[in-house]
């Protein structure tokens, strides 16, 4: 009997030191930005240099644009959650041929994308669909996508060796993500669990 996908491998927890270092770096960055803003304001008041005003205006416009994009993304996710009410991982899994696609990979991608999609995805309980675009869940950046693939691969017991030669690449949708991971080789630990009878 196959081991059910609910027995996914756990992710290794981040070491506490990384959290402290990350917090310190973020605090230092924020302090540097605040110092820079104060310096620009002081120089603008004392010199009236229009270049300083232009830089401040650019920063303000970028901030407003970022907030507007964030609001649009939340509205889109809320609309998706309402439209898909009652759906679950079951509908997501039915988009794939269960004879050809490992259920561990399907569940690993589901769990990983829910986490990587941000607090709005989890809070609004947005059900995923195979045709969903990666950018909907902030996975359109190649580094973010690789990190999410790494997490899903760890959970599903897959390796990412020779990923660049994977026939499904490049990835555009969650379905592509599932199929790409399914085409990757299993780890030795996963092969041992593949056909184990449960107690």
Foldseek 3Di string as FASTA:
>chain_A
DFDDLVQFFADDDDDVVVVVVVVVVVVVVVVVVVVVVVVLVVCCVVPVDVVSVVVVVVVVVVVVVVVVVVVVLLVVQLVQLVVQPPDALVQQVVVDDPVQFPNNLSVLLQVLLCVQLDPSCVVSVRHFHQAAFCVSSPCPDPVSVVVSLVSSCNRSQFDCPPLVPQPLPPDTGSNSSRSSRRSTDGHPVNVVNGDDDDD
